[in-house]
C-alpha cells in the first residue's frame, strides 16, 4: 500500500479486519470486527489514527476490494 493511501485511510489500510467496498461512485472501508462486536463502527470515520482492534495484515490482505452496488446497511 502506498503512503498516500495510508495517509488518507490510516490504520484501516493495513488492518487484517478491513475490506474496501467499491460502488460506482464511492469507496468505503468496512470493519469486519463490527460483525461480532457492535462497539466497532461498520464504516469507520477516516483516517483511522487509533483503533483497539487493529491487527497488521499479511501483505496483500487488508483492504481487499469487494464490489457492491450499495454499501451494507448500517442498521
Protein backbone atom coordinates (compact mmCIF):
# COMPACT_ATOMS: atom_id res chain seq x y z
CA UNK A 1 0.00 0.00 0.00
CA UNK A 2 1.29 3.45 -0.82
CA UNK A 3 1.92 6.16 1.71
CA UNK A 4 -0.85 8.27 0.13
CA UNK A 5 -3.40 5.53 0.87
CA UNK A 6 -2.05 5.16 4.40
CA UNK A 7 -2.43 8.91 4.96
CA UNK A 8 -5.99 9.02 3.57
CA UNK A 9 -7.25 5.86 5.26
CA UNK A 10 -4.95 5.43 8.26
CA UNK A 11 -4.78 2.12 10.09
CA UNK A 12 -7.59 0.53 8.08
CA UNK A 13 -5.28 0.44 5.04
CA UNK A 14 -3.08 -2.07 6.89
CA UNK A 15 -5.58 -3.88 9.14
CA UNK A 16 -6.49 -7.52 8.56
CA UNK A 17 -10.10 -6.77 9.56
CA UNK A 18 -10.74 -4.10 6.91
CA UNK A 19 -12.31 -4.53 3.48
CA UNK A 20 -12.75 -1.97 0.75
CA UNK A 21 -16.29 -1.66 -0.52
CA UNK A 22 -16.37 -0.18 -4.01
CA UNK A 23 -19.50 1.28 -5.55
CA UNK A 24 -19.84 3.06 -8.87
CA UNK A 25 -19.06 6.41 -7.28
CA UNK A 26 -17.50 5.76 -3.87
CA UNK A 27 -15.04 3.73 -1.84
CA UNK A 28 -15.78 2.74 1.76
CA UNK A 29 -13.74 0.77 4.29
CA UNK A 30 -15.77 -1.88 6.13
CA UNK A 31 -14.63 -3.19 9.53
CA UNK A 32 -15.16 -6.95 9.79
CA UNK A 33 -14.86 -6.73 13.59
CA UNK A 34 -18.21 -4.92 13.62
CA UNK A 35 -19.95 -8.18 12.68
CA UNK A 36 -19.27 -9.69 16.14
CA UNK A 37 -18.59 -6.61 18.27
CA UNK A 38 -21.11 -3.78 17.87
CA UNK A 39 -18.73 -1.34 19.58
CA UNK A 40 -16.79 -1.17 16.29
CA UNK A 41 -18.20 1.09 13.57
CA UNK A 42 -19.06 -0.75 10.36
CA UNK A 43 -17.71 2.11 8.30
CA UNK A 44 -15.22 3.99 10.49
CA UNK A 45 -14.51 7.66 10.00
CA UNK A 46 -11.25 8.04 8.11
CA UNK A 47 -8.38 8.48 8.54
CA UNK A 48 -8.38 5.97 11.41
CA UNK A 49 -5.44 7.00 13.59
CA UNK A 50 -6.01 4.73 16.60
CA UNK A 51 -8.01 1.51 16.99
CA UNK A 52 -8.06 -1.05 19.80
CA UNK A 53 -8.90 -3.79 17.27
CA UNK A 54 -6.08 -3.09 14.81
CA UNK A 55 -4.07 -6.13 13.68
CA UNK A 56 -1.45 -5.83 10.95
CA UNK A 57 -2.44 -7.75 7.85
CA UNK A 58 -0.38 -10.08 5.77
CA UNK A 59 0.94 -8.47 2.56
CA UNK A 60 -1.94 -8.04 0.11
CA UNK A 61 -4.53 -8.97 2.73
CA UNK A 62 -6.00 -5.72 4.00
CA UNK A 63 -8.43 -3.65 2.06
CA UNK A 64 -9.24 -6.39 -0.41
CA UNK A 65 -11.76 -4.72 -2.72
CA UNK A 66 -15.31 -6.01 -2.66
CA UNK A 67 -17.52 -4.70 -5.48
CA UNK A 68 -21.02 -3.83 -4.42
CA UNK A 69 -23.70 -1.62 -5.88
CA UNK A 70 -24.52 -0.29 -2.44
CA UNK A 71 -22.68 -0.42 0.92
CA UNK A 72 -24.16 -2.69 3.58
CA UNK A 73 -26.94 -1.07 5.60
CA UNK A 74 -25.98 0.41 8.94
CA UNK A 75 -28.97 -0.98 10.84
